[in-house]
Amino acid sequence: MTANSEDIFESSAGYYTEFRKPYPPLLFKRIRDQFNLNGKGALLDVGCGTGQISLPLSNDFERVVGVDLSK
Protein backbone atom coordinates (compact mmCIF):
# COMPACT_ATOMS: atom_id res chain seq x y z
CA MET A 1 0.00 0.00 0.00
CA THR A 2 1.39 3.39 -0.97
CA ALA A 3 0.54 6.54 0.97
CA ASN A 4 -0.24 9.61 -1.06
CA SER A 5 1.41 12.95 -0.35
CA GLU A 6 -1.74 14.41 1.22
CA ASP A 7 -1.92 12.00 4.15
CA ILE A 8 1.67 10.87 4.59
CA PHE A 9 2.05 12.82 7.86
CA GLU A 10 -1.54 12.55 9.06
CA SER A 11 -0.91 9.57 11.34
CA SER A 12 2.10 11.24 12.97
CA ALA A 13 0.60 14.68 13.69
CA GLY A 14 -0.59 13.68 17.16
CA TYR A 15 2.86 12.40 18.11
CA TYR A 16 4.50 15.47 16.65
CA THR A 17 2.24 17.73 18.72
CA GLU A 18 2.72 15.72 21.90
CA PHE A 19 6.42 14.87 21.81
CA ARG A 20 8.24 17.50 19.72
CA LYS A 21 9.81 20.12 21.92
CA PRO A 22 8.30 23.56 21.37
CA TYR A 23 10.33 26.41 19.97
CA PRO A 24 11.81 28.55 22.75
CA PRO A 25 10.00 31.81 23.59
CA LEU A 26 13.21 33.73 22.81
CA LEU A 27 12.85 32.73 19.14
CA PHE A 28 9.43 34.39 18.94
CA LYS A 29 10.70 37.46 20.76
CA ARG A 30 13.50 37.80 18.22
CA ILE A 31 11.07 37.40 15.33
CA ARG A 32 8.79 40.06 16.85
CA ASP A 33 11.71 42.44 17.39
CA GLN A 34 13.38 41.83 14.01
CA PHE A 35 10.20 42.40 12.01
CA ASN A 36 8.60 45.01 14.30
CA LEU A 37 5.41 42.99 14.59
CA ASN A 38 2.56 45.17 15.80
CA GLY A 39 -0.65 43.17 15.47
CA LYS A 40 -1.24 44.27 11.89
CA GLY A 41 -0.77 42.49 8.57
CA ALA A 42 -0.95 38.82 7.71
CA LEU A 43 1.16 35.73 8.31
CA LEU A 44 1.22 32.88 5.80
CA ASP A 45 2.72 29.70 7.26
CA VAL A 46 3.39 27.29 4.38
CA GLY A 47 3.99 23.75 5.59
CA CYS A 48 2.54 24.73 8.96
CA GLY A 49 2.11 21.19 10.26
CA THR A 50 0.59 21.45 13.73
CA GLY A 51 1.03 25.23 13.89
CA GLN A 52 4.07 25.40 16.16
CA ILE A 53 5.13 28.67 14.56
CA SER A 54 1.85 30.24 13.47
CA LEU A 55 -0.03 29.69 16.73
CA PRO A 56 2.47 31.47 19.02
CA LEU A 57 2.59 34.37 16.54
CA SER A 58 -1.17 34.54 15.97
CA ASN A 59 -1.66 37.57 18.23
CA ASP A 60 1.02 39.48 16.33
CA PHE A 61 -1.02 39.65 13.11
CA GLU A 62 -4.53 40.59 12.03
CA ARG A 63 -4.79 37.40 10.02
CA VAL A 64 -2.93 34.07 10.10
CA VAL A 65 -3.26 31.39 7.43
CA GLY A 66 -1.66 27.98 7.74
CA VAL A 67 -1.30 25.72 4.70
CA ASP A 68 -0.21 22.09 4.84
CA LEU A 69 -0.58 18.92 2.76
CA SER A 70 -2.16 17.07 5.70
CA LYS A 71 -5.55 17.95 7.14
C-alpha atoms as a PDB file:
ATOM      1  CA  MET A   1       0.000   0.000   0.000  1.00  0.00           C
ATOM      2  CA  THR A   2       1.387   3.385  -0.974  1.00  0.00           C
ATOM      3  CA  ALA A   3       0.541   6.542   0.966  1.00  0.00           C
ATOM      4  CA  ASN A   4      -0.236   9.613  -1.062  1.00  0.00           C
ATOM      5  CA  SER A   5       1.407  12.953  -0.348  1.00  0.00           C
ATOM      6  CA  GLU A   6      -1.745  14.412   1.218  1.00  0.00           C
ATOM      7  CA  ASP A   7      -1.923  12.000   4.152  1.00  0.00           C
ATOM      8  CA  ILE A   8       1.669  10.869   4.594  1.00  0.00           C
ATOM      9  CA  PHE A   9       2.046  12.824   7.862  1.00  0.00           C
ATOM     10  CA  GLU A  10      -1.543  12.547   9.062  1.00  0.00           C
ATOM     11  CA  SER A  11      -0.908   9.566  11.339  1.00  0.00           C
ATOM     12  CA  SER A  12       2.102  11.236  12.974  1.00  0.00           C
ATOM     13  CA  ALA A  13       0.598  14.678  13.687  1.00  0.00           C
ATOM     14  CA  GLY A  14      -0.587  13.684  17.165  1.00  0.00           C
ATOM     15  CA  TYR A  15       2.855  12.397  18.113  1.00  0.00           C
ATOM     16  CA  TYR A  16       4.499  15.474  16.650  1.00  0.00           C
ATOM     17  CA  THR A  17       2.244  17.733  18.723  1.00  0.00           C
ATOM     18  CA  GLU A  18       2.722  15.725  21.898  1.00  0.00           C
ATOM     19  CA  PHE A  19       6.422  14.873  21.810  1.00  0.00           C
ATOM     20  CA  ARG A  20       8.239  17.497  19.722  1.00  0.00           C
ATOM     21  CA  LYS A  21       9.812  20.116  21.925  1.00  0.00           C
ATOM     22  CA  PRO A  22       8.296  23.560  21.374  1.00  0.00           C
ATOM     23  CA  TYR A  23      10.328  26.408  19.969  1.00  0.00           C
ATOM     24  CA  PRO A  24      11.812  28.552  22.747  1.00  0.00           C
ATOM     25  CA  PRO A  25      10.004  31.813  23.594  1.00  0.00           C
ATOM     26  CA  LEU A  26      13.208  33.726  22.809  1.00  0.00           C
ATOM     27  CA  LEU A  27      12.845  32.725  19.143  1.00  0.00           C
ATOM     28  CA  PHE A  28       9.432  34.387  18.936  1.00  0.00           C
ATOM     29  CA  LYS A  29      10.703  37.465  20.765  1.00  0.00           C
ATOM     30  CA  ARG A  30      13.503  37.802  18.223  1.00  0.00           C
ATOM     31  CA  ILE A  31      11.066  37.399  15.334  1.00  0.00           C
ATOM     32  CA  ARG A  32       8.791  40.063  16.847  1.00  0.00           C
ATOM     33  CA  ASP A  33      11.706  42.443  17.394  1.00  0.00           C
ATOM     34  CA  GLN A  34      13.381  41.833  14.014  1.00  0.00           C
ATOM     35  CA  PHE A  35      10.204  42.396  12.011  1.00  0.00           C
ATOM     36  CA  ASN A  36       8.604  45.009  14.295  1.00  0.00           C
ATOM     37  CA  LEU A  37       5.412  42.992  14.587  1.00  0.00           C
ATOM     38  CA  ASN A  38       2.564  45.174  15.801  1.00  0.00           C
ATOM     39  CA  GLY A  39      -0.654  43.174  15.465  1.00  0.00           C
ATOM     40  CA  LYS A  40      -1.237  44.266  11.888  1.00  0.00           C
ATOM     41  CA  GLY A  41      -0.768  42.488   8.571  1.00  0.00           C
ATOM     42  CA  ALA A  42      -0.952  38.824   7.713  1.00  0.00           C
ATOM     43  CA  LEU A  43       1.158  35.731   8.310  1.00  0.00           C
ATOM     44  CA  LEU A  44       1.221  32.879   5.800  1.00  0.00           C
ATOM     45  CA  ASP A  45       2.721  29.702   7.259  1.00  0.00           C
ATOM     46  CA  VAL A  46       3.389  27.288   4.378  1.00  0.00           C
ATOM     47  CA  GLY A  47       3.993  23.749   5.587  1.00  0.00           C
ATOM     48  CA  CYS A  48       2.537  24.729   8.964  1.00  0.00           C
ATOM     49  CA  GLY A  49       2.107  21.191  10.260  1.00  0.00           C
ATOM     50  CA  THR A  50       0.590  21.451  13.726  1.00  0.00           C
ATOM     51  CA  GLY A  51       1.034  25.227  13.892  1.00  0.00           C
ATOM     52  CA  GLN A  52       4.066  25.398  16.160  1.00  0.00           C
ATOM     53  CA  ILE A  53       5.129  28.665  14.557  1.00  0.00           C
ATOM     54  CA  SER A  54       1.852  30.243  13.467  1.00  0.00           C
ATOM     55  CA  LEU A  55      -0.031  29.688  16.732  1.00  0.00           C
ATOM     56  CA  PRO A  56       2.467  31.469  19.024  1.00  0.00           C
ATOM     57  CA  LEU A  57       2.590  34.371  16.545  1.00  0.00           C
ATOM     58  CA  SER A  58      -1.170  34.545  15.974  1.00  0.00           C
ATOM     59  CA  ASN A  59      -1.663  37.575  18.234  1.00  0.00           C
ATOM     60  CA  ASP A  60       1.022  39.481  16.334  1.00  0.00           C
ATOM     61  CA  PHE A  61      -1.022  39.648  13.109  1.00  0.00           C
ATOM     62  CA  GLU A  62      -4.530  40.591  12.034  1.00  0.00           C
ATOM     63  CA  ARG A  63      -4.794  37.398  10.023  1.00  0.00           C
ATOM     64  CA  VAL A  64      -2.932  34.071  10.104  1.00  0.00           C
ATOM     65  CA  VAL A  65      -3.259  31.387   7.428  1.00  0.00           C
ATOM     66  CA  GLY A  66      -1.655  27.976   7.744  1.00  0.00           C
ATOM     67  CA  VAL A  67      -1.301  25.716   4.701  1.00  0.00           C
ATOM     68  CA  ASP A  68      -0.213  22.088   4.841  1.00  0.00           C
ATOM     69  CA  LEU A  69      -0.577  18.923   2.760  1.00  0.00           C
ATOM     70  CA  SER A  70      -2.161  17.075   5.699  1.00  0.00           C
ATOM     71  CA  LYS A  71      -5.550  17.947   7.139  1.00  0.00           C
END
